Amino acid sequence: MARKEFVYRGKGIEELKKMSLKEFAALLPSRQRRSLAKGLTDENKALLEDIKTKMNAKTHVRSMIILPEMVGRSVKVYSGKEFVAVAISAEMLGHYLGEFVQTRKKVVHHAPGIGATKSSAALSVR
């Protein structure tokens, strides 16, 4: 069974890569479009250069919008504690990098410790 070709707003991935930043921004939702209309920040420009040159670029810039030239690359995004590897696919276009790296962990409760309750004092330490 043949895999369906990716299309974003009627444009194929090769078409999107040939577009200028302004043309691509016109296809995005309003929040991303307005953000790109202001222009890329120095941090965003530095990240784009790193992604083009390095295999696994590390970044703290979670607010970077995923652009067509980033597709197929891998980026390590900071979660607040560690860098998490993100493989950028075509389906991620127009989203922010931070959306793919969670900053909070699920709370996991374990058994109560010694002295946590009155009854736990009677438990053996083993």
Protein backbone atom coordinates (compact mmCIF):
# COMPACT_ATOMS: atom_id res chain seq x y z
CA MET A 1 0.00 0.00 0.00
CA ALA A 2 1.47 3.35 -1.05
CA ARG A 3 2.02 5.98 1.61
CA LYS A 4 0.04 9.18 1.10
CA GLU A 5 2.15 12.25 0.30
CA PHE A 6 2.13 15.01 2.94
CA VAL A 7 0.19 18.16 2.03
CA TYR A 8 -0.04 21.36 4.10
CA ARG A 9 -2.82 23.71 3.00
CA GLY A 10 -2.70 22.27 -0.51
CA LYS A 11 1.10 22.50 -0.86
CA GLY A 12 3.55 19.60 -0.94
CA ILE A 13 6.69 19.57 1.24
CA GLU A 14 8.99 20.38 -1.72
CA GLU A 15 6.79 23.36 -2.65
CA LEU A 16 6.89 24.59 0.95
CA LYS A 17 10.69 24.37 1.10
CA LYS A 18 10.98 26.57 -2.01
CA MET A 19 8.71 29.27 -0.51
CA SER A 20 10.03 32.39 1.17
CA LEU A 21 9.36 32.89 4.88
CA LYS A 22 6.70 35.51 4.09
CA GLU A 23 4.84 33.20 1.68
CA PHE A 24 4.94 30.33 4.20
CA ALA A 25 3.70 32.62 6.99
CA ALA A 26 0.61 33.42 4.90
CA LEU A 27 -0.42 29.75 5.16
CA LEU A 28 -0.09 29.59 8.96
CA PRO A 29 -2.75 30.24 11.63
CA SER A 30 -3.00 33.83 12.87
CA ARG A 31 -0.85 33.55 16.00
CA GLN A 32 2.10 32.04 14.14
CA ARG A 33 1.60 34.35 11.16
CA ARG A 34 1.71 37.46 13.37
CA SER A 35 4.77 36.15 15.18
CA LEU A 36 6.66 35.60 11.91
CA ALA A 37 5.48 38.98 10.54
CA LYS A 38 7.55 40.64 13.30
CA GLY A 39 10.57 38.78 11.98
CA LEU A 40 12.80 36.11 13.47
CA THR A 41 14.69 37.01 16.65
CA ASP A 42 18.47 36.66 16.85
CA GLU A 43 18.01 33.45 18.87
CA ASN A 44 15.70 32.01 16.18
CA LYS A 45 18.18 32.89 13.42
CA ALA A 46 21.04 31.29 15.37
CA LEU A 47 18.95 28.14 15.89
CA LEU A 48 18.15 27.89 12.16
CA GLU A 49 21.87 28.12 11.33
CA ASP A 50 22.68 25.44 13.95
CA ILE A 51 19.99 23.12 12.58
CA LYS A 52 21.38 23.48 9.05
CA THR A 53 24.99 22.78 10.11
CA LYS A 54 24.82 20.46 13.15
CA MET A 55 23.24 17.02 13.37
CA ASN A 56 21.74 17.43 16.87
CA ALA A 57 21.50 21.13 17.69
CA LYS A 58 20.68 21.98 21.33
CA THR A 59 18.38 24.87 22.13
CA HIS A 60 16.47 26.66 24.86
CA VAL A 61 14.28 28.42 22.24
CA ARG A 62 10.95 26.64 22.79
CA SER A 63 9.06 29.45 21.05
CA MET A 64 10.57 28.70 17.62
CA ILE A 65 7.95 27.95 14.98
CA ILE A 66 8.77 24.84 12.95
CA LEU A 67 9.58 25.89 9.37
CA PRO A 68 9.84 23.75 6.20
CA GLU A 69 13.67 23.85 6.14
CA MET A 70 13.72 22.19 9.59
CA VAL A 71 11.81 19.08 8.41
CA GLY A 72 13.84 15.89 8.60
CA ARG A 73 16.29 17.30 11.15
CA SER A 74 16.70 16.50 14.83
CA VAL A 75 16.83 19.11 17.62
CA LYS A 76 17.41 18.77 21.35
CA VAL A 77 14.97 21.08 23.16
CA TYR A 78 15.39 22.05 26.83
CA SER A 79 12.53 20.91 29.08
CA GLY A 80 13.62 22.88 32.15
CA LYS A 81 15.68 19.97 33.46
CA GLU A 82 17.23 18.20 30.47
CA PHE A 83 17.49 18.31 26.70
CA VAL A 84 14.94 16.08 24.95
CA ALA A 85 15.55 14.98 21.35
CA VAL A 86 12.81 15.92 18.88
CA ALA A 87 12.80 14.51 15.34
CA ILE A 88 11.01 17.10 13.21
CA SER A 89 8.50 15.69 10.73
CA ALA A 90 6.33 17.40 8.13
CA GLU A 91 3.21 17.07 10.33
CA MET A 92 4.83 19.44 12.87
CA LEU A 93 4.92 22.43 10.48
CA GLY A 94 3.53 25.61 12.02
CA HIS A 95 3.72 24.32 15.60
CA TYR A 96 6.11 25.55 18.29
CA LEU A 97 9.10 23.42 19.35
CA GLY A 98 7.99 23.62 22.97
CA GLU A 99 4.75 21.78 22.18
CA PHE A 100 6.69 18.55 21.65
CA VAL A 101 8.70 18.62 24.90
CA GLN A 102 6.80 18.31 28.17
CA THR A 103 7.93 20.53 31.05
CA ARG A 104 6.02 18.68 33.75
CA LYS A 105 6.17 15.06 34.80
CA LYS A 106 3.22 12.97 35.88
CA VAL A 107 2.98 12.78 39.67
CA VAL A 108 3.59 9.23 40.88
CA HIS A 109 2.76 8.47 44.49
CA HIS A 110 4.52 5.66 46.28
CA ALA A 111 4.00 4.01 49.66
CA PRO A 112 4.14 6.39 52.64
CA GLY A 113 7.47 6.76 54.41
CA ILE A 114 8.20 5.92 58.02
CA GLY A 115 6.53 8.47 60.28
CA ALA A 116 4.19 9.76 57.57
CA THR A 117 1.18 8.54 59.55
CA LYS A 118 0.65 7.27 63.10
CA SER A 119 0.18 3.71 61.87
CA SER A 120 3.40 3.76 59.80
CA ALA A 121 5.46 3.97 63.00
CA ALA A 122 4.50 0.35 63.71
CA LEU A 123 5.84 -0.87 60.35
CA SER A 124 9.19 -2.60 60.22
CA VAL A 125 12.05 -0.68 58.67
CA ARG A 126 13.01 -3.58 56.35
